[in-house]
Amino acid sequence: MSASVWFADTVHPLLLHGLQEAGFSCIEDYQSTPQVFPYKQVEGIVIRSRFILSADVISMFPALRWIARIGAG
C-alpha cells in the first residue's frame, strides 16, 4: 500500500505529479479542516497557510511523518 499525502492547499502541479510518480497516493482536499478530514492515516501534509498546524492538530494524524509548508519569503 502506498503512503498517502493530504494536499490541504493548492500548490504548483509539479509537486503533486512528482509525489505521484514517487508512489504516493495524493488526496486533494482544499476545503476540509483537520477536524473533519476523513483520512487520519496520511503520512504527509502539504499546506501553505490555510490553518495552523498546532500540536493538537498534528496529534490527530498518528501516521504523520512529514509536513511540506509551501511559501515564499
Protein backbone atom coordinates (compact mmCIF):
# COMPACT_ATOMS: atom_id res chain seq x y z
CA MET A 1 0.00 0.00 0.00
CA SER A 2 1.35 3.43 -0.91
CA ALA A 3 1.69 6.25 1.54
CA SER A 4 -0.95 8.97 1.38
CA VAL A 5 -0.41 12.71 1.29
CA TRP A 6 -3.06 15.32 2.01
CA PHE A 7 -2.85 18.40 -0.19
CA ALA A 8 -4.67 20.88 2.07
CA ASP A 9 -3.82 23.87 -0.17
CA THR A 10 -3.27 24.27 -3.88
CA VAL A 11 0.37 24.19 -4.92
CA HIS A 12 2.29 24.01 -8.16
CA PRO A 13 1.22 20.88 -10.09
CA LEU A 14 4.84 19.67 -10.33
CA LEU A 15 4.82 18.78 -6.63
CA LEU A 16 1.63 16.74 -6.95
CA HIS A 17 2.87 14.94 -10.06
CA GLY A 18 6.31 14.34 -8.56
CA LEU A 19 4.88 12.73 -5.44
CA GLN A 20 2.52 10.59 -7.51
CA GLU A 21 5.43 9.42 -9.67
CA ALA A 22 7.31 8.56 -6.46
CA GLY A 23 4.44 6.26 -5.49
CA PHE A 24 2.44 8.47 -3.12
CA SER A 25 -1.34 8.48 -3.14
CA CYS A 26 -2.26 12.18 -3.20
CA ILE A 27 -5.54 13.37 -1.72
CA GLU A 28 -6.52 16.83 -2.92
CA ASP A 29 -8.97 18.26 -0.40
CA TYR A 30 -8.85 22.03 -0.21
CA GLN A 31 -11.99 22.55 1.87
CA SER A 32 -11.74 20.20 4.87
CA THR A 33 -10.28 21.22 8.18
CA PRO A 34 -8.16 18.72 10.11
CA GLN A 35 -11.08 18.04 12.45
CA VAL A 36 -13.34 16.76 9.65
CA PHE A 37 -10.73 15.41 7.20
CA PRO A 38 -11.67 11.71 6.97
CA TYR A 39 -8.24 10.18 6.24
CA LYS A 40 -6.31 10.38 9.52
CA GLN A 41 -3.63 7.89 8.39
CA VAL A 42 -1.86 10.22 5.94
CA GLU A 43 1.93 10.17 6.03
CA GLY A 44 2.34 13.74 4.77
CA ILE A 45 0.52 17.04 4.66
CA VAL A 46 1.18 19.72 2.05
CA ILE A 47 -0.02 23.15 3.16
CA ARG A 48 0.56 26.83 2.58
CA SER A 49 -1.26 28.72 5.33
CA ARG A 50 -4.94 27.73 5.36
CA PHE A 51 -4.85 26.66 9.03
CA ILE A 52 -2.30 26.42 11.82
CA LEU A 53 -0.64 23.06 12.34
CA SER A 54 -0.56 23.14 16.13
CA ALA A 55 0.48 20.21 18.30
CA ASP A 56 -3.22 19.38 18.77
CA VAL A 57 -3.76 19.22 15.00
CA ILE A 58 -0.63 17.15 14.40
CA SER A 59 -1.72 14.66 17.07
CA MET A 60 -4.89 13.94 15.02
CA PHE A 61 -2.70 12.20 12.41
CA PRO A 62 -0.92 9.25 14.08
CA ALA A 63 0.89 8.14 10.88
CA LEU A 64 2.15 11.64 10.00
CA ARG A 65 5.85 11.61 9.15
CA TRP A 66 6.35 14.92 7.34
CA ILE A 67 4.83 18.32 6.58
CA ALA A 68 5.59 20.38 3.48
CA ARG A 69 4.86 24.03 4.14
CA ILE A 70 4.85 25.82 0.77
CA GLY A 71 5.52 29.53 0.67
CA ALA A 72 7.88 32.34 -0.10
CA GLY A 73 9.61 34.92 1.98
